[in-house]
C-alpha cells in the first residue's frame, strides 16, 4: 500500500483535523471514481476516431495501445505510489488524463493517428496511476478510522 494516508503533513496535523481529512476520503475518493467511471467521452470515441479518418481496425489498434500501456504500467505505478505517495500518484493520474482529453479535441490533420496513439499512452498512464491508488486510500482511511 502507498504511504501517507493524508497529505505529507500528517506529523504536524492535529488529531481532530487528521480525522476530518480521513473522513473526507470516504466520500471524495468514491465520488472521483464515479466520475471517472462514467466514461463520458469514451462512449463516442469510436465515432470520433472514425470522423477523423481512422478505420475501425485503426480504432482497435489505438485501444490496444491503451490496454497494453495500462497493463505494462500497473506494477510500476504501484511502486511509484509506494515510493512517492498517493497524493502525487493521483495528481499524475489526473494530469495525464487531462492531457488526453485536452488534446483529443485538437487531433486533426496528417498526423492524427500518431497523435491519437500518443494520447492513448497518456490515458493509459492516467488509468494505471489511478487504479489501486483510490482503493488504497479508502482501505487505509477506513482502517485508521476503525471502520
C-alpha atoms as a PDB file:
ATOM      1  CA  UNK A   1       0.000   0.000   0.000  1.00  0.00           C
ATOM      2  CA  UNK A   2       1.049   3.561  -0.517  1.00  0.00           C
ATOM      3  CA  UNK A   3       2.474   5.618   2.281  1.00  0.00           C
ATOM      4  CA  UNK A   4       0.880   8.643   3.932  1.00  0.00           C
ATOM      5  CA  UNK A   5      -2.901   8.378   4.051  1.00  0.00           C
ATOM      6  CA  UNK A   6      -3.409  12.105   4.220  1.00  0.00           C
ATOM      7  CA  UNK A   7      -1.011  14.507   2.530  1.00  0.00           C
ATOM      8  CA  UNK A   8       2.616  14.617   3.641  1.00  0.00           C
ATOM      9  CA  UNK A   9       1.937  16.806   6.685  1.00  0.00           C
ATOM     10  CA  UNK A  10       0.489  14.096   8.924  1.00  0.00           C
ATOM     11  CA  UNK A  11       3.021  14.646  11.716  1.00  0.00           C
ATOM     12  CA  UNK A  12       2.133  18.330  12.157  1.00  0.00           C
ATOM     13  CA  UNK A  13      -1.658  17.797  11.917  1.00  0.00           C
ATOM     14  CA  UNK A  14      -3.853  17.854  14.971  1.00  0.00           C
ATOM     15  CA  UNK A  15      -5.649  14.538  15.584  1.00  0.00           C
ATOM     16  CA  UNK A  16      -9.052  16.159  15.017  1.00  0.00           C
ATOM     17  CA  UNK A  17      -8.004  17.651  11.687  1.00  0.00           C
ATOM     18  CA  UNK A  18      -6.497  14.321  10.611  1.00  0.00           C
ATOM     19  CA  UNK A  19      -9.767  12.534  11.432  1.00  0.00           C
ATOM     20  CA  UNK A  20     -11.654  15.118   9.375  1.00  0.00           C
ATOM     21  CA  UNK A  21      -9.344  14.579   6.414  1.00  0.00           C
ATOM     22  CA  UNK A  22      -9.638  10.795   6.708  1.00  0.00           C
ATOM     23  CA  UNK A  23     -13.460  11.002   6.808  1.00  0.00           C
ATOM     24  CA  UNK A  24     -13.352  13.257   3.745  1.00  0.00           C
ATOM     25  CA  UNK A  25     -11.551  10.470   1.879  1.00  0.00           C
ATOM     26  CA  UNK A  26     -14.571   8.204   2.449  1.00  0.00           C
ATOM     27  CA  UNK A  27     -16.808  10.307   0.197  1.00  0.00           C
ATOM     28  CA  UNK A  28     -14.310  12.141  -2.001  1.00  0.00           C
ATOM     29  CA  UNK A  29     -12.493   9.109  -3.419  1.00  0.00           C
ATOM     30  CA  UNK A  30     -15.691   7.256  -4.433  1.00  0.00           C
ATOM     31  CA  UNK A  31     -17.034  10.484  -5.976  1.00  0.00           C
ATOM     32  CA  UNK A  32     -13.902  10.910  -8.119  1.00  0.00           C
ATOM     33  CA  UNK A  33     -14.010   7.217  -9.059  1.00  0.00           C
ATOM     34  CA  UNK A  34     -17.681   7.506 -10.057  1.00  0.00           C
ATOM     35  CA  UNK A  35     -16.922  10.475 -12.307  1.00  0.00           C
ATOM     36  CA  UNK A  36     -14.025   8.593 -13.920  1.00  0.00           C
ATOM     37  CA  UNK A  37     -16.160   5.502 -14.452  1.00  0.00           C
ATOM     38  CA  UNK A  38     -18.987   7.401 -16.156  1.00  0.00           C
ATOM     39  CA  UNK A  39     -16.771   7.395 -19.243  1.00  0.00           C
ATOM     40  CA  UNK A  40     -18.439  10.431 -20.793  1.00  0.00           C
ATOM     41  CA  UNK A  41     -16.071  10.726 -23.747  1.00  0.00           C
ATOM     42  CA  UNK A  42     -15.341   7.047 -24.225  1.00  0.00           C
ATOM     43  CA  UNK A  43     -18.901   6.434 -25.398  1.00  0.00           C
ATOM     44  CA  UNK A  44     -18.262   8.443 -28.566  1.00  0.00           C
ATOM     45  CA  UNK A  45     -14.593   7.555 -29.107  1.00  0.00           C
ATOM     46  CA  UNK A  46     -15.174   5.149 -31.993  1.00  0.00           C
ATOM     47  CA  UNK A  47     -17.391   7.604 -33.842  1.00  0.00           C
ATOM     48  CA  UNK A  48     -14.970  10.463 -33.157  1.00  0.00           C
ATOM     49  CA  UNK A  49     -11.955   8.452 -34.342  1.00  0.00           C
ATOM     50  CA  UNK A  50     -13.800   7.444 -37.499  1.00  0.00           C
ATOM     51  CA  UNK A  51     -14.747  11.072 -38.174  1.00  0.00           C
ATOM     52  CA  UNK A  52     -11.010  11.810 -38.158  1.00  0.00           C
ATOM     53  CA  UNK A  53     -10.458   9.197 -40.850  1.00  0.00           C
ATOM     54  CA  UNK A  54      -9.377   6.293 -38.654  1.00  0.00           C
ATOM     55  CA  UNK A  55     -10.696   2.923 -39.813  1.00  0.00           C
ATOM     56  CA  UNK A  56     -12.367   0.529 -37.398  1.00  0.00           C
ATOM     57  CA  UNK A  57      -9.173  -1.554 -37.497  1.00  0.00           C
ATOM     58  CA  UNK A  58      -7.239   1.583 -36.534  1.00  0.00           C
ATOM     59  CA  UNK A  59      -9.638   2.204 -33.650  1.00  0.00           C
ATOM     60  CA  UNK A  60      -8.967  -1.314 -32.356  1.00  0.00           C
ATOM     61  CA  UNK A  61      -5.221  -0.727 -32.677  1.00  0.00           C
ATOM     62  CA  UNK A  62      -5.480   2.560 -30.761  1.00  0.00           C
ATOM     63  CA  UNK A  63      -7.474   0.931 -27.983  1.00  0.00           C
ATOM     64  CA  UNK A  64      -4.879  -1.858 -27.915  1.00  0.00           C
ATOM     65  CA  UNK A  65      -2.177   0.756 -27.293  1.00  0.00           C
ATOM     66  CA  UNK A  66      -4.218   1.952 -24.315  1.00  0.00           C
ATOM     67  CA  UNK A  67      -4.831  -1.551 -22.959  1.00  0.00           C
ATOM     68  CA  UNK A  68      -1.232  -2.709 -23.341  1.00  0.00           C
ATOM     69  CA  UNK A  69       0.064   0.552 -21.881  1.00  0.00           C
ATOM     70  CA  UNK A  70      -2.210   0.201 -18.866  1.00  0.00           C
ATOM     71  CA  UNK A  71      -1.120  -3.411 -18.372  1.00  0.00           C
ATOM     72  CA  UNK A  72       2.580  -2.526 -18.564  1.00  0.00           C
ATOM     73  CA  UNK A  73       2.220   0.454 -16.203  1.00  0.00           C
ATOM     74  CA  UNK A  74       0.151  -1.220 -13.460  1.00  0.00           C
ATOM     75  CA  UNK A  75       3.091  -2.501 -11.397  1.00  0.00           C
ATOM     76  CA  UNK A  76       5.405   0.498 -11.924  1.00  0.00           C
ATOM     77  CA  UNK A  77       2.572   2.853 -10.925  1.00  0.00           C
ATOM     78  CA  UNK A  78       2.130   0.850  -7.714  1.00  0.00           C
ATOM     79  CA  UNK A  79       5.838   1.125  -6.978  1.00  0.00           C
ATOM     80  CA  UNK A  80       5.665   4.872  -7.665  1.00  0.00           C
ATOM     81  CA  UNK A  81       2.716   5.125  -5.287  1.00  0.00           C
ATOM     82  CA  UNK A  82       4.586   3.250  -2.546  1.00  0.00           C
ATOM     83  CA  UNK A  83       7.677   5.389  -3.040  1.00  0.00           C
ATOM     84  CA  UNK A  84       6.254   8.873  -3.556  1.00  0.00           C
ATOM     85  CA  UNK A  85       2.783   8.669  -2.011  1.00  0.00           C
ATOM     86  CA  UNK A  86      -0.806   8.567  -3.136  1.00  0.00           C
ATOM     87  CA  UNK A  87      -1.316  12.282  -3.493  1.00  0.00           C
ATOM     88  CA  UNK A  88       1.416  12.564  -6.152  1.00  0.00           C
ATOM     89  CA  UNK A  89       0.212   9.392  -7.834  1.00  0.00           C
ATOM     90  CA  UNK A  90      -3.354  10.698  -8.102  1.00  0.00           C
ATOM     91  CA  UNK A  91      -2.061  14.060  -9.326  1.00  0.00           C
ATOM     92  CA  UNK A  92      -0.099  12.369 -12.128  1.00  0.00           C
ATOM     93  CA  UNK A  93      -3.176  10.305 -12.966  1.00  0.00           C
ATOM     94  CA  UNK A  94      -5.403  13.350 -13.281  1.00  0.00           C
ATOM     95  CA  UNK A  95      -2.831  15.409 -15.221  1.00  0.00           C
ATOM     96  CA  UNK A  96      -2.222  12.577 -17.711  1.00  0.00           C
ATOM     97  CA  UNK A  97      -5.964  12.050 -18.190  1.00  0.00           C
ATOM     98  CA  UNK A  98      -6.442  15.802 -18.582  1.00  0.00           C
ATOM     99  CA  UNK A  99      -3.754  15.936 -21.276  1.00  0.00           C
ATOM    100  CA  UNK A 100      -5.548  13.121 -23.097  1.00  0.00           C
ATOM    101  CA  UNK A 101      -8.911  14.892 -23.073  1.00  0.00           C
ATOM    102  CA  UNK A 102      -7.459  18.314 -23.877  1.00  0.00           C
ATOM    103  CA  UNK A 103      -5.556  17.181 -26.943  1.00  0.00           C
ATOM    104  CA  UNK A 104      -8.272  14.830 -28.220  1.00  0.00           C
ATOM    105  CA  UNK A 105     -10.105  17.906 -29.429  1.00  0.00           C
ATOM    106  CA  UNK A 106      -7.020  19.102 -31.291  1.00  0.00           C
ATOM    107  CA  UNK A 107      -6.494  15.875 -33.219  1.00  0.00           C
ATOM    108  CA  UNK A 108      -6.766  16.518 -36.954  1.00  0.00           C
ATOM    109  CA  UNK A 109      -4.526  16.612 -39.996  1.00  0.00           C
ATOM    110  CA  UNK A 110      -1.887  14.268 -41.396  1.00  0.00           C
ATOM    111  CA  UNK A 111      -0.518  13.018 -38.104  1.00  0.00           C
ATOM    112  CA  UNK A 112      -3.864  12.275 -36.483  1.00  0.00           C
ATOM    113  CA  UNK A 113      -3.261   8.568 -35.902  1.00  0.00           C
ATOM    114  CA  UNK A 114       0.175   9.224 -34.390  1.00  0.00           C
ATOM    115  CA  UNK A 115      -1.240  11.875 -32.062  1.00  0.00           C
ATOM    116  CA  UNK A 116      -4.119   9.594 -31.080  1.00  0.00           C
ATOM    117  CA  UNK A 117      -1.682   6.756 -30.313  1.00  0.00           C
ATOM    118  CA  UNK A 118       0.414   9.044 -28.093  1.00  0.00           C
ATOM    119  CA  UNK A 119      -2.754  10.246 -26.391  1.00  0.00           C
ATOM    120  CA  UNK A 120      -3.777   6.636 -25.730  1.00  0.00           C
ATOM    121  CA  UNK A 121      -0.474   6.369 -23.856  1.00  0.00           C
ATOM    122  CA  UNK A 122      -1.444   9.349 -21.682  1.00  0.00           C
ATOM    123  CA  UNK A 123      -4.809   7.739 -20.990  1.00  0.00           C
ATOM    124  CA  UNK A 124      -3.008   4.519 -20.014  1.00  0.00           C
ATOM    125  CA  UNK A 125      -0.832   6.494 -17.571  1.00  0.00           C
ATOM    126  CA  UNK A 126      -3.928   8.129 -16.112  1.00  0.00           C
ATOM    127  CA  UNK A 127      -5.787   4.849 -15.723  1.00  0.00           C
ATOM    128  CA  UNK A 128      -2.884   2.833 -14.311  1.00  0.00           C
ATOM    129  CA  UNK A 129      -1.863   5.504 -11.808  1.00  0.00           C
ATOM    130  CA  UNK A 130      -5.464   5.814 -10.590  1.00  0.00           C
ATOM    131  CA  UNK A 131      -6.061   2.066 -10.466  1.00  0.00           C
ATOM    132  CA  UNK A 132      -5.464   0.736  -6.969  1.00  0.00           C
ATOM    133  CA  UNK A 133      -4.433   4.087  -5.505  1.00  0.00           C
ATOM    134  CA  UNK A 134      -8.048   5.014  -4.836  1.00  0.00           C
ATOM    135  CA  UNK A 135      -8.693   1.672  -3.164  1.00  0.00           C
ATOM    136  CA  UNK A 136      -5.566   2.008  -1.020  1.00  0.00           C
ATOM    137  CA  UNK A 137      -6.702   5.420   0.195  1.00  0.00           C
ATOM    138  CA  UNK A 138     -10.133   4.074   1.113  1.00  0.00           C
ATOM    139  CA  UNK A 139      -8.798   0.958   2.805  1.00  0.00           C
ATOM    140  CA  UNK A 140      -6.208   2.757   4.915  1.00  0.00           C
ATOM    141  CA  UNK A 141      -8.564   5.631   5.766  1.00  0.00           C
ATOM    142  CA  UNK A 142     -11.208   3.182   6.974  1.00  0.00           C
ATOM    143  CA  UNK A 143      -8.583   1.164   8.856  1.00  0.00           C
ATOM    144  CA  UNK A 144      -7.238   4.231  10.658  1.00  0.00           C
ATOM    145  CA  UNK A 145     -10.768   5.410  11.481  1.00  0.00           C
ATOM    146  CA  UNK A 146     -11.562   1.954  12.897  1.00  0.00           C
ATOM    147  CA  UNK A 147     -14.324   1.196  10.392  1.00  0.00           C
END
